[in-house]
C-alpha atoms as a PDB file:
ATOM      1  CA  ARG A   1     100.805  91.286 103.879  1.00  0.00           C
ATOM      2  CA  LEU A   2      97.678  89.358 104.704  1.00  0.00           C
ATOM      3  CA  ARG A   3      94.331  91.064 104.604  1.00  0.00           C
ATOM      4  CA  SER A   4      90.759  90.312 105.507  1.00  0.00           C
ATOM      5  CA  ASP A   5      89.801  86.652 105.178  1.00  0.00           C
ATOM      6  CA  TYR A   6      93.360  85.435 104.653  1.00  0.00           C
ATOM      7  CA  LEU A   7      94.486  87.089 107.886  1.00  0.00           C
ATOM      8  CA  ALA A   8      91.667  85.393 109.787  1.00  0.00           C
ATOM      9  CA  ILE A   9      92.452  81.977 108.290  1.00  0.00           C
ATOM     10  CA  THR A  10      96.175  82.346 108.975  1.00  0.00           C
ATOM     11  CA  THR A  11      95.565  83.493 112.563  1.00  0.00           C
ATOM     12  CA  PHE A  12      93.317  80.502 113.165  1.00  0.00           C
ATOM     13  CA  GLY A  13      95.896  78.162 111.649  1.00  0.00           C
ATOM     14  CA  VAL A  14      98.682  79.554 113.846  1.00  0.00           C
ATOM     15  CA  ALA A  15      96.472  79.197 116.935  1.00  0.00           C
ATOM     16  CA  VAL A  16      95.779  75.538 116.107  1.00  0.00           C
ATOM     17  CA  VAL A  17      99.482  74.836 115.589  1.00  0.00           C
ATOM     18  CA  VAL A  18     100.415  76.523 118.893  1.00  0.00           C
ATOM     19  CA  GLN A  19      97.740  74.515 120.709  1.00  0.00           C
ATOM     20  CA  LEU A  20      98.962  71.234 119.243  1.00  0.00           C
ATOM     21  CA  VAL A  21     102.579  72.022 120.112  1.00  0.00           C
ATOM     22  CA  ALA A  22     101.595  72.933 123.671  1.00  0.00           C
ATOM     23  CA  LEU A  23      99.624  69.712 124.091  1.00  0.00           C
ATOM     24  CA  ASN A  24     102.407  67.541 122.680  1.00  0.00           C
ATOM     25  CA  ALA A  25     105.312  69.167 124.557  1.00  0.00           C
ATOM     26  CA  GLN A  26     104.521  67.350 127.797  1.00  0.00           C
ATOM     27  CA  LYS A  27     107.881  67.933 129.468  1.00  0.00           C
ATOM     28  CA  LEU A  28     107.596  71.692 128.967  1.00  0.00           C
ATOM     29  CA  THR A  29     103.873  72.383 129.342  1.00  0.00           C
ATOM     30  CA  GLY A  30     102.543  69.317 131.149  1.00  0.00           C
ATOM     31  CA  GLY A  31     100.488  68.379 128.100  1.00  0.00           C
ATOM     32  CA  PRO A  32      96.713  68.269 128.541  1.00  0.00           C
ATOM     33  CA  PHE A  33      97.060  68.320 132.343  1.00  0.00           C
ATOM     34  CA  GLY A  34      98.735  71.738 132.409  1.00  0.00           C
ATOM     35  CA  ILE A  35     101.671  73.061 134.338  1.00  0.00           C
ATOM     36  CA  GLY A  36     101.471  71.722 137.865  1.00  0.00           C
ATOM     37  CA  PHE A  37     104.900  72.500 139.239  1.00  0.00           C
ATOM     38  CA  ILE A  38     104.588  76.287 139.605  1.00  0.00           C
ATOM     39  CA  PRO A  39     104.256  77.326 143.253  1.00  0.00           C
ATOM     40  CA  ARG A  40     101.274  79.476 144.230  1.00  0.00           C
ATOM     41  CA  PRO A  41     102.047  83.144 144.750  1.00  0.00           C
ATOM     42  CA  PHE A  42     101.640  84.274 148.367  1.00  0.00           C
ATOM     43  CA  GLY A  43     102.009  80.614 149.397  1.00  0.00           C
ATOM     44  CA  GLY A  44     101.937  80.962 153.176  1.00  0.00           C
ATOM     45  CA  LEU A  45     100.255  84.362 153.232  1.00  0.00           C
ATOM     46  CA  ALA A  46      96.954  83.279 151.709  1.00  0.00           C
ATOM     47  CA  GLU A  47      95.742  80.096 153.321  1.00  0.00           C
ATOM     48  CA  THR A  48      92.076  80.441 152.364  1.00  0.00           C
ATOM     49  CA  PRO A  49      90.687  81.140 148.877  1.00  0.00           C
ATOM     50  CA  LEU A  50      89.245  84.454 150.089  1.00  0.00           C
ATOM     51  CA  LEU A  51      92.615  85.728 151.339  1.00  0.00           C
ATOM     52  CA  PHE A  52      94.303  84.476 148.182  1.00  0.00           C
ATOM     53  CA  ASN A  53      91.828  86.339 145.961  1.00  0.00           C
ATOM     54  CA  LEU A  54      92.037  89.501 148.056  1.00  0.00           C
ATOM     55  CA  SER A  55      95.837  89.484 147.911  1.00  0.00           C
ATOM     56  CA  ASN A  56      95.717  89.054 144.128  1.00  0.00           C
ATOM     57  CA  LEU A  57      93.206  91.904 143.897  1.00  0.00           C
ATOM     58  CA  ALA A  58      95.548  94.108 145.925  1.00  0.00           C
ATOM     59  CA  VAL A  59      98.481  93.333 143.621  1.00  0.00           C
ATOM     60  CA  VAL A  60      96.410  94.016 140.501  1.00  0.00           C
ATOM     61  CA  SER A  61      95.144  97.284 141.987  1.00  0.00           C
ATOM     62  CA  VAL A  62      98.648  98.487 142.840  1.00  0.00           C
ATOM     63  CA  VAL A  63      99.979  97.590 139.391  1.00  0.00           C
ATOM     64  CA  THR A  64      97.015  99.325 137.739  1.00  0.00           C
ATOM     65  CA  LEU A  65      97.640 102.481 139.770  1.00  0.00           C
ATOM     66  CA  ILE A  66     101.326 102.437 138.883  1.00  0.00           C
ATOM     67  CA  VAL A  67     100.610 102.006 135.181  1.00  0.00           C
ATOM     68  CA  TYR A  68      97.969 104.714 134.941  1.00  0.00           C
ATOM     69  CA  LEU A  69      99.634 107.349 137.108  1.00  0.00           C
END
């Protein structure tokens, strides 16, 4: 088991490795440009940024209520 400083160093090392893999796996992650082929949720429902944000807020609120009740 890792403790204290060694845990912090190992966690940082794993994070750097994951970042490098994500940047170099361009077919999977899109590389440094990110994933651009995922469709927006509520595509036709939210045409303006305000409606999009309000619809996301509604979904988050409903999920939060379900989880905490």
